[in-house]
């Protein structure tokens, strides 16, 4: 083989067959190298390895699966559970059932010395006979037990590595982490290491994540990446890196559909910015967000609504009762509403869903309802803030208008929230209850906006069968935002029972 051809072969990447993993590896694996895939039982090693061989089969590469622990019947059952087939892939069990009989016992040498040598020679013979391009060895824990001491084990792994290298095989060695804690012998030998983890939560399904520990000579996305095991294999959700995603977009402001709300904001909503709607339960945060979304839909923009808190049927019924029917936009393909179960969703999967909506469906507005439920899908508050920072930065660089809803504890007085994410918001709306003349009323104010000179007034908010009404600035009260309003004038400037509605523009 010429040096030019050899160089081209080395530069080419072998795809793993696992969606998302090749993106983490920035293309795939370097051919003719030995890689370690480690993880506890049930973390997905076998599924990943089978997809690696099937990807090779599709590319015309012969594959060999050598199993030292599972039987061929079990492997084929795993494949069938994913609607896959091992046809065209060589599967060999290295230890046959008759090897455990009395005829194979001897006493001159320790049994492990004979078994280890026979096992390794058997592997060599298999590779010589089948001449595979891709090989999976499952699992190294069996070789470790046969070796009995670290020196013999390391020597045998090195012998396998050199043998596979001479045969130009790309090898995945699976290991179930039964070695002593801190034993990094395999890490030092392998060209690359992919670590799979399975985490159990106090409530909800288990979470899985992977990390590329090392990959010699290749750039890759470091850190943890969530993944799920689905019918058909593993799906990896690469960690979102906002700096890698830019596109041009118009920065012209867009209307919310309400003249009073546009006046509060200064000039409406700006593409590439996010708005936080904060307030107690029932004050109208979701309804206000839906009104802004409908305005975008009426302009012909697409929108994605991620619903964490209430049921989809409840949202649809309530919106229809407020003269904001969402079904026509869903039928027209402009609106996608996804019901999210926080107990079943990983942060990476959610970020991937948002990316898919923006990049594949060309969504121009995203609503997250609400951050309180999203918090429960995260391991810690700090992690949530970092995750949200990256997600909001990504949406900003894509020119998307983002609306986030944050519920606060309490109804009046001093309101608290599970987290403080206000510093990440470009625009922040505060919705509050207040009492006047024995009647519960609602108010809305824009606390900050980074894009325009917004109005500093507080306006009354009314929600009825006709939709949303934004009143004139409230001049007769003080202390509304503190939850202890006081009438300071002879006229209270509040809307009448049957106000002239601020119609949607």
Foldseek 3Di string as FASTA:
>chain_A
DDPVVVVVLQPAAQAQQAAPVCQQQVHHAGFLFEEEEEAAPPLAPLLSQLSNQVSCVVVVFAEEEEAAPDDPVVSQVVQVQLVHGCPRHHYDYLDDPCCPDPVVDDDPDDVLVVVLVSSLVVVLVVCVVRLGQEYEYHELVVSCVSQVDPVSSLVSVLVVRVSSSVSRHYYYYYYNPPDDPPDCSVVVRGQWYKYKYWADDPDFHIWIWIATPDHPPGDGNGDIWTWDADRNGIHTQDQFAQVVDFDDDDFQADAQQFPLVCQQAFHHFTFLFEEEEEAAPPLQQVLSVLSSVVSCVVVVAAEEEEAEDDDPVVVQVVCVQLVRHCVVSVVVVRYHYDYDHLSHDALSNVLSVVVCCCPVVVHQEYEYHAVQRVVSNDPDQVVSLVSVLSSSSNSSSSRHYYYYYFHWPDAFADTHGPDDNPVSHQKYKYKHWADDPNDIWIKIHIPHHNPRDGDGFIWTWDGHSNGIATFDGFDQWPCRVRRDIDGRDPDGRHADPDHDGRGRD
